[in-house]
Amino acid sequence: MSEFSMPTIPESEECLREIAEEMMELFGIPYREAVARINYEWRHLSFEKWPDLIGHELPEHWAYRLYYGEVPYWDAHADRSKWVAHQAPPNDLQYWTIHDSSA
């Protein structure tokens, strides 16, 4: 069973996992939080067809979009000191599909 709560196919799941891994690397968040952010922000979408829009951008693009929302400038050297990250989604099992085994 997939960790993603929206309808997916193997190709879209691979892309979603790459986005989650990019969020881990860029923002230092756990994989489970990255997945919860994807599940929450894209909860009303379906990824049952491929190629899909998410495949037309790099995982980095979607990682920034999911973590910060609209950002003024995507350049790798942009000053992010004033960017404000979205809060993690509500601690709801619908979005948090990977449970913390240390809790």
PDB file of N, CA and C in Angstrom:
ATOM      1  N   MET A   1       0.846  -1.187   0.000  1.00  0.00           N
ATOM      2  CA  MET A   1       0.000   0.000   0.000  1.00  0.00           C
ATOM      3  C   MET A   1       0.889   1.247   0.000  1.00  0.00           C
ATOM      4  N   SER A   2       0.503   2.213  -0.759  1.00  0.00           N
ATOM      5  CA  SER A   2       1.285   3.439  -0.896  1.00  0.00           C
ATOM      6  C   SER A   2       1.139   4.348   0.317  1.00  0.00           C
ATOM      7  N   GLU A   3       2.172   5.127   0.565  1.00  0.00           N
ATOM      8  CA  GLU A   3       2.126   6.120   1.629  1.00  0.00           C
ATOM      9  C   GLU A   3       1.341   7.363   1.217  1.00  0.00           C
ATOM     10  N   PHE A   4       0.975   7.449  -0.054  1.00  0.00           N
ATOM     11  CA  PHE A   4       0.250   8.615  -0.547  1.00  0.00           C
ATOM     12  C   PHE A   4      -1.244   8.337  -0.515  1.00  0.00           C
ATOM     13  N   SER A   5      -2.013   9.294  -0.025  1.00  0.00           N
ATOM     14  CA  SER A   5      -3.442   9.075   0.197  1.00  0.00           C
ATOM     15  C   SER A   5      -4.301   9.347  -1.029  1.00  0.00           C
ATOM     16  N   MET A   6      -3.733   9.989  -2.042  1.00  0.00           N
ATOM     17  CA  MET A   6      -4.503  10.247  -3.253  1.00  0.00           C
ATOM     18  C   MET A   6      -4.285   9.112  -4.256  1.00  0.00           C
ATOM     19  N   PRO A   7      -5.179   8.959  -5.231  1.00  0.00           N
ATOM     20  CA  PRO A   7      -4.986   7.903  -6.232  1.00  0.00           C
ATOM     21  C   PRO A   7      -3.692   8.124  -7.021  1.00  0.00           C
ATOM     22  N   THR A   8      -2.912   7.060  -7.175  1.00  0.00           N
ATOM     23  CA  THR A   8      -1.626   7.138  -7.876  1.00  0.00           C
ATOM     24  C   THR A   8      -1.425   5.899  -8.737  1.00  0.00           C
ATOM     25  N   ILE A   9      -0.404   5.962  -9.562  1.00  0.00           N
ATOM     26  CA  ILE A   9       0.102   4.803 -10.294  1.00  0.00           C
ATOM     27  C   ILE A   9       1.602   4.740  -9.993  1.00  0.00           C
ATOM     28  N   PRO A  10       2.280   3.646 -10.307  1.00  0.00           N
ATOM     29  CA  PRO A  10       3.704   3.533  -9.947  1.00  0.00           C
ATOM     30  C   PRO A  10       4.574   4.703 -10.420  1.00  0.00           C
ATOM     31  N   GLU A  11       4.346   5.203 -11.623  1.00  0.00           N
ATOM     32  CA  GLU A  11       5.168   6.307 -12.134  1.00  0.00           C
ATOM     33  C   GLU A  11       4.974   7.578 -11.316  1.00  0.00           C
ATOM     34  N   SER A  12       3.735   7.878 -10.951  1.00  0.00           N
ATOM     35  CA  SER A  12       3.503   9.090 -10.164  1.00  0.00           C
ATOM     36  C   SER A  12       3.998   8.906  -8.731  1.00  0.00           C
ATOM     37  N   GLU A  13       3.882   7.697  -8.180  1.00  0.00           N
ATOM     38  CA  GLU A  13       4.410   7.445  -6.839  1.00  0.00           C
ATOM     39  C   GLU A  13       5.913   7.681  -6.802  1.00  0.00           C
ATOM     40  N   GLU A  14       6.612   7.235  -7.823  1.00  0.00           N
ATOM     41  CA  GLU A  14       8.060   7.453  -7.883  1.00  0.00           C
ATOM     42  C   GLU A  14       8.373   8.951  -7.877  1.00  0.00           C
ATOM     43  N   CYS A  15       7.631   9.709  -8.643  1.00  0.00           N
ATOM     44  CA  CYS A  15       7.837  11.155  -8.698  1.00  0.00           C
ATOM     45  C   CYS A  15       7.514  11.801  -7.345  1.00  0.00           C
ATOM     46  N   LEU A  16       6.432  11.384  -6.708  1.00  0.00           N
ATOM     47  CA  LEU A  16       6.064  11.926  -5.397  1.00  0.00           C
ATOM     48  C   LEU A  16       7.131  11.598  -4.354  1.00  0.00           C
ATOM     49  N   ARG A  17       7.688  10.410  -4.423  1.00  0.00           N
ATOM     50  CA  ARG A  17       8.763  10.038  -3.494  1.00  0.00           C
ATOM     51  C   ARG A  17      10.007  10.899  -3.719  1.00  0.00           C
ATOM     52  N   GLU A  18      10.313  11.195  -4.967  1.00  0.00           N
ATOM     53  CA  GLU A  18      11.452  12.075  -5.259  1.00  0.00           C
ATOM     54  C   GLU A  18      11.222  13.472  -4.690  1.00  0.00           C
ATOM     55  N   ILE A  19       9.997  13.960  -4.756  1.00  0.00           N
ATOM     56  CA  ILE A  19       9.668  15.266  -4.185  1.00  0.00           C
ATOM     57  C   ILE A  19       9.831  15.221  -2.668  1.00  0.00           C
ATOM     58  N   ALA A  20       9.341  14.162  -2.036  1.00  0.00           N
ATOM     59  CA  ALA A  20       9.475  14.024  -0.580  1.00  0.00           C
ATOM     60  C   ALA A  20      10.945  13.959  -0.174  1.00  0.00           C
ATOM     61  N   GLU A  21      11.748  13.210  -0.917  1.00  0.00           N
ATOM     62  CA  GLU A  21      13.182  13.115  -0.618  1.00  0.00           C
ATOM     63  C   GLU A  21      13.871  14.464  -0.806  1.00  0.00           C
ATOM     64  N   GLU A  22      13.434  15.226  -1.782  1.00  0.00           N
ATOM     65  CA  GLU A  22      13.996  16.565  -2.003  1.00  0.00           C
ATOM     66  C   GLU A  22      13.675  17.473  -0.820  1.00  0.00           C
ATOM     67  N   MET A  23      12.460  17.382  -0.282  1.00  0.00           N
ATOM     68  CA  MET A  23      12.100  18.181   0.898  1.00  0.00           C
ATOM     69  C   MET A  23      12.955  17.788   2.097  1.00  0.00           C
ATOM     70  N   MET A  24      13.219  16.500   2.244  1.00  0.00           N
ATOM     71  CA  MET A  24      14.082  16.050   3.336  1.00  0.00           C
ATOM     72  C   MET A  24      15.452  16.701   3.225  1.00  0.00           C
ATOM     73  N   GLU A  25      16.012  16.658   2.032  1.00  0.00           N
ATOM     74  CA  GLU A  25      17.360  17.181   1.807  1.00  0.00           C
ATOM     75  C   GLU A  25      17.415  18.700   1.945  1.00  0.00           C
ATOM     76  N   LEU A  26      16.452  19.392   1.353  1.00  0.00           N
ATOM     77  CA  LEU A  26      16.477  20.859   1.351  1.00  0.00           C
ATOM     78  C   LEU A  26      16.124  21.471   2.702  1.00  0.00           C
ATOM     79  N   PHE A  27      15.152  20.872   3.400  1.00  0.00           N
ATOM     80  CA  PHE A  27      14.595  21.516   4.588  1.00  0.00           C
ATOM     81  C   PHE A  27      14.831  20.750   5.879  1.00  0.00           C
ATOM     82  N   GLY A  28      15.468  19.584   5.793  1.00  0.00           N
ATOM     83  CA  GLY A  28      15.793  18.820   6.994  1.00  0.00           C
ATOM     84  C   GLY A  28      14.583  18.264   7.722  1.00  0.00           C
ATOM     85  N   ILE A  29      13.521  17.982   6.985  1.00  0.00           N
ATOM     86  CA  ILE A  29      12.332  17.421   7.623  1.00  0.00           C
ATOM     87  C   ILE A  29      12.320  15.907   7.416  1.00  0.00           C
ATOM     88  N   PRO A  30      11.646  15.180   8.301  1.00  0.00           N
ATOM     89  CA  PRO A  30      11.571  13.728   8.136  1.00  0.00           C
ATOM     90  C   PRO A  30      10.733  13.353   6.907  1.00  0.00           C
ATOM     91  N   TYR A  31      10.994  12.184   6.377  1.00  0.00           N
ATOM     92  CA  TYR A  31      10.246  11.692   5.215  1.00  0.00           C
ATOM     93  C   TYR A  31       8.750  11.670   5.506  1.00  0.00           C
ATOM     94  N   ARG A  32       8.374  11.232   6.701  1.00  0.00           N
ATOM     95  CA  ARG A  32       6.947  11.146   7.046  1.00  0.00           C
ATOM     96  C   ARG A  32       6.273  12.507   6.996  1.00  0.00           C
ATOM     97  N   GLU A  33       6.986  13.572   7.400  1.00  0.00           N
ATOM     98  CA  GLU A  33       6.416  14.918   7.310  1.00  0.00           C
ATOM     99  C   GLU A  33       6.305  15.366   5.856  1.00  0.00           C
ATOM    100  N   ALA A  34       7.311  15.062   5.062  1.00  0.00           N
ATOM    101  CA  ALA A  34       7.267  15.428   3.643  1.00  0.00           C
ATOM    102  C   ALA A  34       6.075  14.753   2.960  1.00  0.00           C
ATOM    103  N   VAL A  35       5.855  13.484   3.260  1.00  0.00           N
ATOM    104  CA  VAL A  35       4.714  12.763   2.690  1.00  0.00           C
ATOM    105  C   VAL A  35       3.409  13.386   3.178  1.00  0.00           C
ATOM    106  N   ALA A  36       3.328  13.725   4.456  1.00  0.00           N
ATOM    107  CA  ALA A  36       2.116  14.357   4.991  1.00  0.00           C
ATOM    108  C   ALA A  36       1.842  15.689   4.303  1.00  0.00           C
ATOM    109  N   ARG A  37       2.891  16.451   4.026  1.00  0.00           N
ATOM    110  CA  ARG A  37       2.712  17.727   3.314  1.00  0.00           C
ATOM    111  C   ARG A  37       2.164  17.486   1.904  1.00  0.00           C
ATOM    112  N   ILE A  38       2.686  16.494   1.217  1.00  0.00           N
ATOM    113  CA  ILE A  38       2.189  16.161  -0.121  1.00  0.00           C
ATOM    114  C   ILE A  38       0.728  15.713  -0.035  1.00  0.00           C
ATOM    115  N   ASN A  39       0.431  14.800   0.888  1.00  0.00           N
ATOM    116  CA  ASN A  39      -0.936  14.307   1.036  1.00  0.00           C
ATOM    117  C   ASN A  39      -1.912  15.438   1.344  1.00  0.00           C
ATOM    118  N   TYR A  40      -1.495  16.361   2.189  1.00  0.00           N
ATOM    119  CA  TYR A  40      -2.379  17.464   2.582  1.00  0.00           C
ATOM    120  C   TYR A  40      -2.579  18.462   1.441  1.00  0.00           C
ATOM    121  N   GLU A  41      -1.501  18.924   0.852  1.00  0.00           N
ATOM    122  CA  GLU A  41      -1.597  19.958  -0.186  1.00  0.00           C
ATOM    123  C   GLU A  41      -2.257  19.448  -1.460  1.00  0.00           C
ATOM    124  N   TRP A  42      -2.053  18.201  -1.773  1.00  0.00           N
ATOM    125  CA  TRP A  42      -2.584  17.652  -3.024  1.00  0.00           C
ATOM    126  C   TRP A  42      -3.704  16.649  -2.773  1.00  0.00           C
ATOM    127  N   ARG A  43      -4.373  16.771  -1.633  1.00  0.00           N
ATOM    128  CA  ARG A  43      -5.392  15.804  -1.215  1.00  0.00           C
ATOM    129  C   ARG A  43      -6.555  15.664  -2.197  1.00  0.00           C
ATOM    130  N   HIS A  44      -6.861  16.700  -2.963  1.00  0.00           N
ATOM    131  CA  HIS A  44      -8.001  16.657  -3.883  1.00  0.00           C
ATOM    132  C   HIS A  44      -7.600  16.266  -5.306  1.00  0.00           C
ATOM    133  N   LEU A  45      -6.332  15.929  -5.500  1.00  0.00           N
ATOM    134  CA  LEU A  45      -5.844  15.605  -6.841  1.00  0.00           C
ATOM    135  C   LEU A  45      -5.752  14.097  -7.045  1.00  0.00           C
ATOM    136  N   SER A  46      -5.677  13.711  -8.280  1.00  0.00           N
ATOM    137  CA  SER A  46      -5.467  12.317  -8.648  1.00  0.00           C
ATOM    138  C   SER A  46      -4.241  12.252  -9.548  1.00  0.00           C
ATOM    139  N   PHE A  47      -3.394  11.288  -9.305  1.00  0.00           N
ATOM    140  CA  PHE A  47      -2.194  11.086 -10.110  1.00  0.00           C
ATOM    141  C   PHE A  47      -2.252   9.707 -10.772  1.00  0.00           C
ATOM    142  N   GLU A  48      -3.372   9.428 -11.415  1.00  0.00           N
ATOM    143  CA  GLU A  48      -3.594   8.120 -12.032  1.00  0.00           C
ATOM    144  C   GLU A  48      -3.218   8.067 -13.510  1.00  0.00           C
ATOM    145  N   LYS A  49      -2.770   9.177 -14.061  1.00  0.00           N
ATOM    146  CA  LYS A  49      -2.333   9.204 -15.460  1.00  0.00           C
ATOM    147  C   LYS A  49      -0.901   9.690 -15.516  1.00  0.00           C
ATOM    148  N   TRP A  50      -0.167   9.179 -16.475  1.00  0.00           N
ATOM    149  CA  TRP A  50       1.230   9.585 -16.637  1.00  0.00           C
ATOM    150  C   TRP A  50       1.525   9.737 -18.113  1.00  0.00           C
ATOM    151  N   PRO A  51       2.232  10.747 -18.530  1.00  0.00           N
ATOM    152  CA  PRO A  51       2.841  11.772 -17.687  1.00  0.00           C
ATOM    153  C   PRO A  51       1.800  12.736 -17.131  1.00  0.00           C
ATOM    154  N   ASP A  52       2.147  13.309 -16.004  1.00  0.00           N
ATOM    155  CA  ASP A  52       1.297  14.257 -15.305  1.00  0.00           C
ATOM    156  C   ASP A  52       2.057  15.567 -15.179  1.00  0.00           C
ATOM    157  N   LEU A  53       1.355  16.602 -14.770  1.00  0.00           N
ATOM    158  CA  LEU A  53       1.977  17.917 -14.610  1.00  0.00           C
ATOM    159  C   LEU A  53       3.197  17.860 -13.693  1.00  0.00           C
ATOM    160  N   ILE A  54       3.142  17.065 -12.628  1.00  0.00           N
ATOM    161  CA  ILE A  54       4.282  17.025 -11.703  1.00  0.00           C
ATOM    162  C   ILE A  54       5.543  16.510 -12.368  1.00  0.00           C
ATOM    163  N   GLY A  55       5.396  15.734 -13.428  1.00  0.00           N
ATOM    164  CA  GLY A  55       6.559  15.222 -14.138  1.00  0.00           C
ATOM    165  C   GLY A  55       7.216  16.234 -15.060  1.00  0.00           C
ATOM    166  N   HIS A  56       6.595  17.384 -15.215  1.00  0.00           N
ATOM    167  CA  HIS A  56       7.134  18.419 -16.104  1.00  0.00           C
ATOM    168  C   HIS A  56       7.999  19.438 -15.373  1.00  0.00           C
ATOM    169  N   GLU A  57       8.145  19.288 -14.080  1.00  0.00           N
ATOM    170  CA  GLU A  57       9.014  20.153 -13.272  1.00  0.00           C
ATOM    171  C   GLU A  57       9.936  19.261 -12.456  1.00  0.00           C
ATOM    172  N   LEU A  58      11.063  19.803 -12.061  1.00  0.00           N
ATOM    173  CA  LEU A  58      11.986  19.060 -11.205  1.00  0.00           C
ATOM    174  C   LEU A  58      11.395  18.894  -9.812  1.00  0.00           C
ATOM    175  N   PRO A  59      11.769  17.828  -9.098  1.00  0.00           N
ATOM    176  CA  PRO A  59      11.299  17.654  -7.726  1.00  0.00           C
ATOM    177  C   PRO A  59      11.597  18.877  -6.847  1.00  0.00           C
ATOM    178  N   GLU A  60      12.712  19.547  -7.097  1.00  0.00           N
ATOM    179  CA  GLU A  60      13.068  20.741  -6.319  1.00  0.00           C
ATOM    180  C   GLU A  60      11.984  21.813  -6.426  1.00  0.00           C
ATOM    181  N   HIS A  61      11.457  22.017  -7.618  1.00  0.00           N
ATOM    182  CA  HIS A  61      10.391  23.008  -7.820  1.00  0.00           C
ATOM    183  C   HIS A  61       9.207  22.706  -6.912  1.00  0.00           C
ATOM    184  N   TRP A  62       8.732  21.459  -6.950  1.00  0.00           N
ATOM    185  CA  TRP A  62       7.574  21.078  -6.149  1.00  0.00           C
ATOM    186  C   TRP A  62       7.893  21.092  -4.656  1.00  0.00           C
ATOM    187  N   ALA A  63       9.121  20.741  -4.288  1.00  0.00           N
ATOM    188  CA  ALA A  63       9.508  20.768  -2.874  1.00  0.00           C
ATOM    189  C   ALA A  63       9.378  22.180  -2.312  1.00  0.00           C
ATOM    190  N   TYR A  64       9.920  23.160  -3.027  1.00  0.00           N
ATOM    191  CA  TYR A  64       9.794  24.550  -2.569  1.00  0.00           C
ATOM    192  C   TYR A  64       8.337  24.983  -2.534  1.00  0.00           C
ATOM    193  N   ARG A  65       7.588  24.620  -3.544  1.00  0.00           N
ATOM    194  CA  ARG A  65       6.171  25.003  -3.630  1.00  0.00           C
ATOM    195  C   ARG A  65       5.382  24.408  -2.461  1.00  0.00           C
ATOM    196  N   LEU A  66       5.625  23.141  -2.154  1.00  0.00           N
ATOM    197  CA  LEU A  66       4.904  22.492  -1.061  1.00  0.00           C
ATOM    198  C   LEU A  66       5.335  23.013   0.303  1.00  0.00           C
ATOM    199  N   TYR A  67       6.594  23.364   0.443  1.00  0.00           N
ATOM    200  CA  TYR A  67       7.116  23.801   1.738  1.00  0.00           C
ATOM    201  C   TYR A  67       6.818  25.275   2.016  1.00  0.00           C
ATOM    202  N   TYR A  68       6.971  26.118   1.004  1.00  0.00           N
ATOM    203  CA  TYR A  68       6.791  27.562   1.187  1.00  0.00           C
ATOM    204  C   TYR A  68       5.517  28.118   0.560  1.00  0.00           C
ATOM    205  N   GLY A  69       4.922  27.437  -0.375  1.00  0.00           N
ATOM    206  CA  GLY A  69       3.805  28.012  -1.124  1.00  0.00           C
ATOM    207  C   GLY A  69       4.353  28.860  -2.250  1.00  0.00           C
ATOM    208  N   GLU A  70       3.699  29.958  -2.523  1.00  0.00           N
ATOM    209  CA  GLU A  70       4.173  30.870  -3.563  1.00  0.00           C
ATOM    210  C   GLU A  70       5.457  31.538  -3.087  1.00  0.00           C
ATOM    211  N   VAL A  71       6.466  31.478  -3.907  1.00  0.00           N
ATOM    212  CA  VAL A  71       7.728  32.134  -3.568  1.00  0.00           C
ATOM    213  C   VAL A  71       8.084  33.119  -4.676  1.00  0.00           C
ATOM    214  N   PRO A  72       8.767  34.200  -4.312  1.00  0.00           N
ATOM    215  CA  PRO A  72       9.030  35.248  -5.296  1.00  0.00           C
ATOM    216  C   PRO A  72      10.093  34.901  -6.329  1.00  0.00           C
ATOM    217  N   TYR A  73      10.997  33.991  -5.994  1.00  0.00           N
ATOM    218  CA  TYR A  73      12.157  33.805  -6.853  1.00  0.00           C
ATOM    219  C   TYR A  73      12.703  32.409  -6.641  1.00  0.00           C
ATOM    220  N   TRP A  74      12.789  31.609  -7.690  1.00  0.00           N
ATOM    221  CA  TRP A  74      13.169  30.210  -7.565  1.00  0.00           C
ATOM    222  C   TRP A  74      14.658  29.939  -7.680  1.00  0.00           C
ATOM    223  N   ASP A  75      15.454  30.905  -7.979  1.00  0.00           N
ATOM    224  CA  ASP A  75      16.881  30.681  -8.197  1.00  0.00           C
ATOM    225  C   ASP A  75      17.526  29.991  -7.002  1.00  0.00           C
ATOM    226  N   ALA A  76      18.453  29.120  -7.273  1.00  0.00           N
ATOM    227  CA  ALA A  76      19.141  28.378  -6.207  1.00  0.00           C
ATOM    228  C   ALA A  76      19.860  29.300  -5.231  1.00  0.00           C
ATOM    229  N   HIS A  77      20.231  30.489  -5.673  1.00  0.00           N
ATOM    230  CA  HIS A  77      20.958  31.427  -4.814  1.00  0.00           C
ATOM    231  C   HIS A  77      20.058  32.531  -4.262  1.00  0.00           C
ATOM    232  N   ALA A  78      18.753  32.362  -4.354  1.00  0.00           N
ATOM    233  CA  ALA A  78      17.817  33.376  -3.861  1.00  0.00           C
ATOM    234  C   ALA A  78      17.957  33.532  -2.351  1.00  0.00           C
ATOM    235  N   ASP A  79      17.723  34.740  -1.869  1.00  0.00           N
ATOM    236  CA  ASP A  79      17.744  35.019  -0.431  1.00  0.00           C
ATOM    237  C   ASP A  79      16.433  34.511   0.173  1.00  0.00           C
ATOM    238  N   ARG A  80      16.505  33.437   0.922  1.00  0.00           N
ATOM    239  CA  ARG A  80      15.311  32.835   1.517  1.00  0.00           C
ATOM    240  C   ARG A  80      15.123  33.231   2.979  1.00  0.00           C
ATOM    241  N   SER A  81      15.893  34.185   3.451  1.00  0.00           N
ATOM    242  CA  SER A  81      15.851  34.541   4.868  1.00  0.00           C
ATOM    243  C   SER A  81      14.486  35.074   5.305  1.00  0.00           C
ATOM    244  N   LYS A  82      13.693  35.599   4.392  1.00  0.00           N
ATOM    245  CA  LYS A  82      12.382  36.148   4.765  1.00  0.00           C
ATOM    246  C   LYS A  82      11.231  35.257   4.315  1.00  0.00           C
ATOM    247  N   TRP A  83      11.553  34.133   3.709  1.00  0.00           N
ATOM    248  CA  TRP A  83      10.496  33.214   3.298  1.00  0.00           C
ATOM    249  C   TRP A  83       9.962  32.494   4.538  1.00  0.00           C
ATOM    250  N   VAL A  84       8.686  32.274   4.597  1.00  0.00           N
ATOM    251  CA  VAL A  84       8.064  31.614   5.743  1.00  0.00           C
ATOM    252  C   VAL A  84       7.483  30.275   5.283  1.00  0.00           C
ATOM    253  N   ALA A  85       7.933  29.232   5.927  1.00  0.00           N
ATOM    254  CA  ALA A  85       7.448  27.887   5.582  1.00  0.00           C
ATOM    255  C   ALA A  85       6.014  27.705   6.054  1.00  0.00           C
ATOM    256  N   HIS A  86       5.247  26.960   5.273  1.00  0.00           N
ATOM    257  CA  HIS A  86       3.919  26.559   5.726  1.00  0.00           C
ATOM    258  C   HIS A  86       4.080  25.658   6.943  1.00  0.00           C
ATOM    259  N   GLN A  87       3.130  25.714   7.840  1.00  0.00           N
ATOM    260  CA  GLN A  87       3.157  24.778   8.957  1.00  0.00           C
ATOM    261  C   GLN A  87       2.886  23.372   8.427  1.00  0.00           C
ATOM    262  N   ALA A  88       3.396  22.408   9.134  1.00  0.00           N
ATOM    263  CA  ALA A  88       3.100  21.017   8.777  1.00  0.00           C
ATOM    264  C   ALA A  88       1.591  20.809   8.877  1.00  0.00           C
ATOM    265  N   PRO A  89       1.051  19.887   8.126  1.00  0.00           N
ATOM    266  CA  PRO A  89      -0.398  19.664   8.158  1.00  0.00           C
ATOM    267  C   PRO A  89      -0.859  19.173   9.521  1.00  0.00           C
ATOM    268  N   PRO A  90      -2.169  19.285   9.768  1.00  0.00           N
ATOM    269  CA  PRO A  90      -2.709  18.800  11.037  1.00  0.00           C
ATOM    270  C   PRO A  90      -2.321  17.344  11.263  1.00  0.00           C
ATOM    271  N   ASN A  91      -2.096  17.011  12.499  1.00  0.00           N
ATOM    272  CA  ASN A  91      -1.690  15.647  12.841  1.00  0.00           C
ATOM    273  C   ASN A  91      -2.906  14.730  12.727  1.00  0.00           C
ATOM    274  N   ASP A  92      -3.279  14.449  11.492  1.00  0.00           N
ATOM    275  CA  ASP A  92      -4.462  13.665  11.165  1.00  0.00           C
ATOM    276  C   ASP A  92      -3.994  12.435  10.395  1.00  0.00           C
ATOM    277  N   LEU A  93      -4.455  11.289  10.771  1.00  0.00           N
ATOM    278  CA  LEU A  93      -4.008  10.057  10.123  1.00  0.00           C
ATOM    279  C   LEU A  93      -4.270  10.042   8.625  1.00  0.00           C
ATOM    280  N   GLN A  94      -5.231  10.819   8.172  1.00  0.00           N
ATOM    281  CA  GLN A  94      -5.518  10.879   6.744  1.00  0.00           C
ATOM    282  C   GLN A  94      -4.310  11.389   5.965  1.00  0.00           C
ATOM    283  N   TYR A  95      -3.536  12.292   6.560  1.00  0.00           N
ATOM    284  CA  TYR A  95      -2.382  12.878   5.881  1.00  0.00           C
ATOM    285  C   TYR A  95      -1.077  12.252   6.347  1.00  0.00           C
ATOM    286  N   TRP A  96      -0.995  11.949   7.621  1.00  0.00           N
ATOM    287  CA  TRP A  96       0.211  11.351   8.202  1.00  0.00           C
ATOM    288  C   TRP A  96       0.085   9.833   8.073  1.00  0.00           C
ATOM    289  N   THR A  97       0.430   9.321   6.929  1.00  0.00           N
ATOM    290  CA  THR A  97       0.255   7.892   6.651  1.00  0.00           C
ATOM    291  C   THR A  97       1.436   7.046   7.109  1.00  0.00           C
ATOM    292  N   ILE A  98       2.535   7.697   7.440  1.00  0.00           N
ATOM    293  CA  ILE A  98       3.701   6.993   7.978  1.00  0.00           C
ATOM    294  C   ILE A  98       3.776   7.363   9.445  1.00  0.00           C
ATOM    295  N   HIS A  99       3.694   6.364  10.297  1.00  0.00           N
ATOM    296  CA  HIS A  99       3.633   6.627  11.729  1.00  0.00           C
ATOM    297  C   HIS A  99       5.015   6.559  12.350  1.00  0.00           C
ATOM    298  N   ASP A 100       5.253   7.441  13.308  1.00  0.00           N
ATOM    299  CA  ASP A 100       6.542   7.528  13.989  1.00  0.00           C
ATOM    300  C   ASP A 100       6.669   6.350  14.943  1.00  0.00           C
ATOM    301  N   SER A 101       7.599   5.470  14.671  1.00  0.00           N
ATOM    302  CA  SER A 101       7.777   4.281  15.510  1.00  0.00           C
ATOM    303  C   SER A 101       8.434   4.597  16.845  1.00  0.00           C
ATOM    304  N   SER A 102       9.004   5.807  16.992  1.00  0.00           N
ATOM    305  CA  SER A 102       9.657   6.161  18.255  1.00  0.00           C
ATOM    306  C   SER A 102       8.678   6.761  19.248  1.00  0.00           C
ATOM    307  N   ALA A 103       7.431   7.032  18.813  1.00  0.00           N
ATOM    308  CA  ALA A 103       6.442   7.659  19.704  1.00  0.00           C
ATOM    309  C   ALA A 103       5.813   6.634  20.611  1.00  0.00           C
TER     310      ALA A 103
END
